[in-house]
Amino acid sequence: MKRIFCLMILLLCATSVLLAQKKAEIEFKQTKYDFHEIAEENGDVSHVFTFINKGNAPLIITRASANCGCTKPEYPVKPVAPGKEGQIKVTYQPKGRPGSFSKNIYVYTNGEPERVVLLITGTVIPKP
């Protein structure tokens, strides 16, 4: 009986330690953006995705990449404190790419979730 009691106390302590661990948590206000129709002749277009660190530890964006060289994400290099917001600016280059597009941007963090997929879509109207 004494062993069972000691084992229960040990499990309770281990559980409380695990629950008390600090962890960053990223939450985006939106993960999709539609540019609708954009004119190729007007050049690059950008959209800013805003996120918040809902966790209790600093959030670090370790990298952000796109599935195409025509899409460039820019992300904060400094940690985002708990409760604070950050931004990822995504720029799409429509030159020479008439027609519809759908591009994924992969954001990797030290928090939960470890990877978030952002999506931009639209249609490029070619030069007359």
Protein backbone atom coordinates (compact mmCIF):
# COMPACT_ATOMS: atom_id res chain seq x y z
CA MET A 1 0.00 0.00 0.00
CA LYS A 2 2.86 2.33 0.84
CA ARG A 3 4.43 1.64 -2.58
CA ILE A 4 1.19 2.43 -4.41
CA PHE A 5 0.85 5.69 -2.49
CA CYS A 6 4.46 6.66 -3.33
CA LEU A 7 3.92 5.74 -6.98
CA MET A 8 0.77 7.88 -7.14
CA ILE A 9 2.60 10.86 -5.62
CA LEU A 10 5.45 10.41 -8.11
CA LEU A 11 3.03 10.28 -11.07
CA LEU A 12 1.19 13.35 -9.80
CA CYS A 13 4.45 15.30 -9.52
CA ALA A 14 5.60 14.21 -12.99
CA THR A 15 2.26 15.20 -14.50
CA SER A 16 2.32 18.63 -12.89
CA VAL A 17 5.87 19.23 -14.14
CA LEU A 18 4.85 18.30 -17.69
CA LEU A 19 1.78 20.52 -17.58
CA ALA A 20 3.80 23.46 -16.26
CA GLN A 21 6.28 23.42 -19.15
CA LYS A 22 6.40 26.59 -21.14
CA LYS A 23 5.44 26.39 -24.78
CA ALA A 24 4.87 28.90 -27.56
CA GLU A 25 1.64 28.68 -29.54
CA ILE A 26 1.06 30.41 -32.87
CA GLU A 27 -2.43 31.42 -33.99
CA PHE A 28 -3.10 33.27 -37.25
CA LYS A 29 -6.04 35.62 -37.67
CA GLN A 30 -6.40 34.20 -41.19
CA THR A 31 -4.47 31.56 -43.13
CA LYS A 32 -5.89 32.23 -46.62
CA TYR A 33 -5.97 35.34 -48.77
CA ASP A 34 -7.45 35.86 -52.22
CA PHE A 35 -5.97 38.70 -54.30
CA HIS A 36 -8.84 38.21 -56.78
CA GLU A 37 -7.80 39.77 -60.10
CA ILE A 38 -4.44 41.52 -60.34
CA ALA A 39 -2.93 43.17 -63.40
CA GLU A 40 0.41 41.74 -64.48
CA GLU A 41 1.55 45.21 -65.53
CA ASN A 42 1.08 46.62 -62.01
CA GLY A 43 3.90 44.50 -60.60
CA ASP A 44 4.27 42.65 -57.32
CA VAL A 45 1.44 42.36 -54.81
CA SER A 46 1.72 41.70 -51.08
CA HIS A 47 -0.43 40.64 -48.17
CA VAL A 48 0.38 40.64 -44.45
CA PHE A 49 -0.71 37.67 -42.34
CA THR A 50 -0.95 38.58 -38.65
CA PHE A 51 -0.43 36.05 -35.87
CA ILE A 52 -0.39 36.07 -32.09
CA ASN A 53 1.68 34.03 -29.65
CA LYS A 54 -1.02 32.42 -27.47
CA GLY A 55 1.55 30.40 -25.51
CA ASN A 56 3.55 31.15 -22.40
CA ALA A 57 7.04 31.09 -23.97
CA PRO A 58 8.69 33.19 -26.71
CA LEU A 59 7.69 32.16 -30.23
CA ILE A 60 10.42 31.80 -32.83
CA ILE A 61 9.71 31.53 -36.54
CA THR A 62 12.53 29.24 -37.58
CA ARG A 63 11.85 29.59 -41.31
CA ALA A 64 9.18 30.35 -43.88
CA SER A 65 9.24 29.11 -47.45
CA ALA A 66 6.99 29.00 -50.49
CA ASN A 67 6.36 26.30 -53.05
CA CYS A 68 7.46 28.64 -55.86
CA GLY A 69 10.22 31.18 -56.47
CA CYS A 70 7.55 33.70 -57.46
CA THR A 71 6.35 33.92 -53.84
CA LYS A 72 8.52 35.46 -51.12
CA PRO A 73 7.64 35.34 -47.41
CA GLU A 74 9.23 37.76 -44.92
CA TYR A 75 9.02 36.89 -41.22
CA PRO A 76 10.27 38.29 -37.90
CA VAL A 77 13.73 37.12 -36.90
CA LYS A 78 13.34 38.16 -33.27
CA PRO A 79 11.26 36.05 -30.87
CA VAL A 80 7.63 37.11 -30.37
CA ALA A 81 6.77 37.39 -26.67
CA PRO A 82 3.73 35.63 -25.19
CA GLY A 83 0.56 37.59 -25.93
CA LYS A 84 2.24 39.71 -28.61
CA GLU A 85 1.53 39.85 -32.34
CA GLY A 86 3.82 39.34 -35.29
CA GLN A 87 3.46 39.51 -39.05
CA ILE A 88 4.46 37.53 -42.09
CA LYS A 89 4.47 39.51 -45.32
CA VAL A 90 3.96 37.45 -48.47
CA THR A 91 4.82 38.99 -51.86
CA TYR A 92 3.72 37.44 -55.16
CA GLN A 93 5.43 38.32 -58.46
CA PRO A 94 2.86 38.09 -61.29
CA LYS A 95 5.18 39.06 -64.16
CA GLY A 96 5.05 36.38 -66.85
CA ARG A 97 2.44 34.32 -64.96
CA PRO A 98 -0.98 35.03 -66.49
CA GLY A 99 -3.94 33.01 -65.25
CA SER A 100 -5.01 31.73 -61.87
CA PHE A 101 -2.56 30.89 -59.10
CA SER A 102 -2.61 29.14 -55.74
CA LYS A 103 0.56 29.24 -53.65
CA ASN A 104 1.36 27.65 -50.30
CA ILE A 105 3.65 29.30 -47.76
CA TYR A 106 5.04 27.03 -45.05
CA VAL A 107 5.79 28.62 -41.67
CA TYR A 108 7.91 26.63 -39.20
CA THR A 109 8.03 27.51 -35.48
CA ASN A 110 9.38 26.35 -32.13
CA GLY A 111 5.80 26.16 -30.84
CA GLU A 112 2.47 24.53 -31.49
CA PRO A 113 1.78 23.83 -34.23
CA GLU A 114 5.29 23.35 -35.52
CA ARG A 115 4.16 24.04 -39.11
CA VAL A 116 1.40 26.27 -40.44
CA VAL A 117 0.40 26.46 -44.11
CA LEU A 118 -0.71 29.83 -45.45
CA LEU A 119 -2.40 30.11 -48.85
CA ILE A 120 -2.61 32.92 -51.38
CA THR A 121 -4.75 32.74 -54.50
CA GLY A 122 -5.80 34.98 -57.36
CA THR A 123 -5.86 35.50 -61.07
CA VAL A 124 -3.25 37.44 -63.04
CA ILE A 125 -4.68 39.49 -65.90
CA PRO A 126 -2.03 39.59 -68.68
CA LYS A 127 -0.67 42.78 -70.20
CA PRO A 128 -2.83 44.00 -73.09
